[in-house]
């Protein structure tokens, strides 16, 4: 009984994760821009950086994501991987300058 409930929960989580990726794949550019802006406004890492998840910003290219972030005052740092997803790391603009 317990193992069947665990299997059902696992299947539902996998459908949710797969569904997010499929929906992102077919979204319009405006939603990709909104996703980048959400990531830029989101939580900072311990180093004070912001991570933009590349697959969530589809159909925007890496260059488009960098241009959008730069236009809002962010500085590109590096590309890395976070929880199995490719991310672009940015340093937020300083306040008061």
C-alpha atoms as a PDB file:
ATOM      1  CA  UNK A   1       0.000   0.000   0.000  1.00  0.00           C
ATOM      2  CA  UNK A   2       2.704   2.483   1.040  1.00  0.00           C
ATOM      3  CA  UNK A   3       4.894   1.647  -1.965  1.00  0.00           C
ATOM      4  CA  UNK A   4       1.998   2.181  -4.365  1.00  0.00           C
ATOM      5  CA  UNK A   5       1.306   5.618  -2.869  1.00  0.00           C
ATOM      6  CA  UNK A   6       4.995   6.449  -3.208  1.00  0.00           C
ATOM      7  CA  UNK A   7       4.897   5.343  -6.830  1.00  0.00           C
ATOM      8  CA  UNK A   8       1.868   7.505  -7.541  1.00  0.00           C
ATOM      9  CA  UNK A   9       3.493  10.536  -5.902  1.00  0.00           C
ATOM     10  CA  UNK A  10       6.695   9.928  -7.870  1.00  0.00           C
ATOM     11  CA  UNK A  11       4.747   9.689 -11.141  1.00  0.00           C
ATOM     12  CA  UNK A  12       2.843  12.905 -10.398  1.00  0.00           C
ATOM     13  CA  UNK A  13       6.061  14.790  -9.621  1.00  0.00           C
ATOM     14  CA  UNK A  14       7.645  13.519 -12.836  1.00  0.00           C
ATOM     15  CA  UNK A  15       4.603  14.635 -14.843  1.00  0.00           C
ATOM     16  CA  UNK A  16       4.780  18.065 -13.220  1.00  0.00           C
ATOM     17  CA  UNK A  17       8.493  18.476 -14.027  1.00  0.00           C
ATOM     18  CA  UNK A  18       8.057  17.218 -17.595  1.00  0.00           C
ATOM     19  CA  UNK A  19       4.991  19.427 -18.048  1.00  0.00           C
ATOM     20  CA  UNK A  20       6.928  22.541 -17.015  1.00  0.00           C
ATOM     21  CA  UNK A  21       9.640  21.813 -19.564  1.00  0.00           C
ATOM     22  CA  UNK A  22       7.171  21.075 -22.359  1.00  0.00           C
ATOM     23  CA  UNK A  23       5.171  24.249 -21.642  1.00  0.00           C
ATOM     24  CA  UNK A  24       8.383  26.317 -21.665  1.00  0.00           C
ATOM     25  CA  UNK A  25       9.334  24.799 -24.996  1.00  0.00           C
ATOM     26  CA  UNK A  26       6.160  26.137 -26.644  1.00  0.00           C
ATOM     27  CA  UNK A  27       5.898  29.526 -24.924  1.00  0.00           C
ATOM     28  CA  UNK A  28       6.033  32.858 -26.715  1.00  0.00           C
ATOM     29  CA  UNK A  29       9.043  35.199 -26.409  1.00  0.00           C
ATOM     30  CA  UNK A  30       7.136  37.498 -24.040  1.00  0.00           C
ATOM     31  CA  UNK A  31       6.821  34.711 -21.488  1.00  0.00           C
ATOM     32  CA  UNK A  32      10.539  33.982 -21.854  1.00  0.00           C
ATOM     33  CA  UNK A  33      11.295  37.633 -21.104  1.00  0.00           C
ATOM     34  CA  UNK A  34       8.957  37.533 -18.102  1.00  0.00           C
ATOM     35  CA  UNK A  35      10.733  34.418 -16.827  1.00  0.00           C
ATOM     36  CA  UNK A  36      14.140  36.125 -17.078  1.00  0.00           C
ATOM     37  CA  UNK A  37      12.841  39.199 -15.253  1.00  0.00           C
ATOM     38  CA  UNK A  38      11.351  36.977 -12.525  1.00  0.00           C
ATOM     39  CA  UNK A  39      14.699  35.219 -12.087  1.00  0.00           C
ATOM     40  CA  UNK A  40      16.560  38.546 -12.000  1.00  0.00           C
ATOM     41  CA  UNK A  41      14.208  39.857  -9.306  1.00  0.00           C
ATOM     42  CA  UNK A  42      14.390  36.611  -7.342  1.00  0.00           C
ATOM     43  CA  UNK A  43      16.559  35.337  -4.530  1.00  0.00           C
ATOM     44  CA  UNK A  44      20.287  35.982  -4.467  1.00  0.00           C
ATOM     45  CA  UNK A  45      22.790  33.182  -3.953  1.00  0.00           C
ATOM     46  CA  UNK A  46      25.228  33.220  -1.039  1.00  0.00           C
ATOM     47  CA  UNK A  47      27.713  35.005  -3.303  1.00  0.00           C
ATOM     48  CA  UNK A  48      25.128  37.723  -4.046  1.00  0.00           C
ATOM     49  CA  UNK A  49      24.562  36.466  -7.590  1.00  0.00           C
ATOM     50  CA  UNK A  50      21.330  35.894  -9.465  1.00  0.00           C
ATOM     51  CA  UNK A  51      20.795  32.690 -11.447  1.00  0.00           C
ATOM     52  CA  UNK A  52      18.721  32.715 -14.638  1.00  0.00           C
ATOM     53  CA  UNK A  53      17.587  29.217 -15.653  1.00  0.00           C
ATOM     54  CA  UNK A  54      18.097  28.956 -19.419  1.00  0.00           C
ATOM     55  CA  UNK A  55      15.391  26.387 -20.240  1.00  0.00           C
ATOM     56  CA  UNK A  56      12.712  28.500 -18.566  1.00  0.00           C
ATOM     57  CA  UNK A  57      13.552  31.427 -20.866  1.00  0.00           C
ATOM     58  CA  UNK A  58      12.974  29.497 -24.096  1.00  0.00           C
ATOM     59  CA  UNK A  59      12.802  30.677 -26.964  1.00  0.00           C
ATOM     60  CA  UNK A  60      15.353  33.323 -25.920  1.00  0.00           C
ATOM     61  CA  UNK A  61      18.978  32.562 -26.724  1.00  0.00           C
ATOM     62  CA  UNK A  62      21.808  32.974 -24.228  1.00  0.00           C
ATOM     63  CA  UNK A  63      22.800  36.188 -25.976  1.00  0.00           C
ATOM     64  CA  UNK A  64      19.253  37.585 -25.670  1.00  0.00           C
ATOM     65  CA  UNK A  65      19.143  36.714 -21.959  1.00  0.00           C
ATOM     66  CA  UNK A  66      22.492  38.442 -21.410  1.00  0.00           C
ATOM     67  CA  UNK A  67      21.342  41.535 -23.342  1.00  0.00           C
ATOM     68  CA  UNK A  68      18.126  41.745 -21.321  1.00  0.00           C
ATOM     69  CA  UNK A  69      19.967  41.413 -18.012  1.00  0.00           C
ATOM     70  CA  UNK A  70      22.626  43.943 -19.056  1.00  0.00           C
ATOM     71  CA  UNK A  71      19.943  46.429 -20.076  1.00  0.00           C
ATOM     72  CA  UNK A  72      18.563  46.201 -16.524  1.00  0.00           C
ATOM     73  CA  UNK A  73      21.984  46.864 -14.963  1.00  0.00           C
ATOM     74  CA  UNK A  74      23.125  43.305 -14.256  1.00  0.00           C
ATOM     75  CA  UNK A  75      26.634  42.101 -15.099  1.00  0.00           C
ATOM     76  CA  UNK A  76      27.207  38.630 -16.572  1.00  0.00           C
ATOM     77  CA  UNK A  77      29.550  36.482 -14.478  1.00  0.00           C
ATOM     78  CA  UNK A  78      29.563  32.925 -15.770  1.00  0.00           C
ATOM     79  CA  UNK A  79      27.575  29.960 -17.028  1.00  0.00           C
ATOM     80  CA  UNK A  80      27.158  26.984 -14.733  1.00  0.00           C
ATOM     81  CA  UNK A  81      24.840  24.163 -13.769  1.00  0.00           C
ATOM     82  CA  UNK A  82      22.385  24.209 -10.874  1.00  0.00           C
ATOM     83  CA  UNK A  83      20.299  21.153  -9.957  1.00  0.00           C
ATOM     84  CA  UNK A  84      20.855  19.728 -13.442  1.00  0.00           C
ATOM     85  CA  UNK A  85      19.781  22.878 -15.278  1.00  0.00           C
ATOM     86  CA  UNK A  86      22.062  25.246 -17.155  1.00  0.00           C
ATOM     87  CA  UNK A  87      22.046  28.709 -15.583  1.00  0.00           C
ATOM     88  CA  UNK A  88      23.558  32.064 -16.413  1.00  0.00           C
ATOM     89  CA  UNK A  89      24.894  33.873 -13.356  1.00  0.00           C
ATOM     90  CA  UNK A  90      24.653  37.649 -12.988  1.00  0.00           C
ATOM     91  CA  UNK A  91      25.723  40.188 -10.398  1.00  0.00           C
ATOM     92  CA  UNK A  92      22.925  42.645  -9.563  1.00  0.00           C
ATOM     93  CA  UNK A  93      23.459  46.384  -9.935  1.00  0.00           C
ATOM     94  CA  UNK A  94      24.665  48.301  -6.909  1.00  0.00           C
ATOM     95  CA  UNK A  95      22.077  50.418  -5.193  1.00  0.00           C
ATOM     96  CA  UNK A  96      22.730  54.100  -4.669  1.00  0.00           C
ATOM     97  CA  UNK A  97      25.045  54.578  -7.628  1.00  0.00           C
END
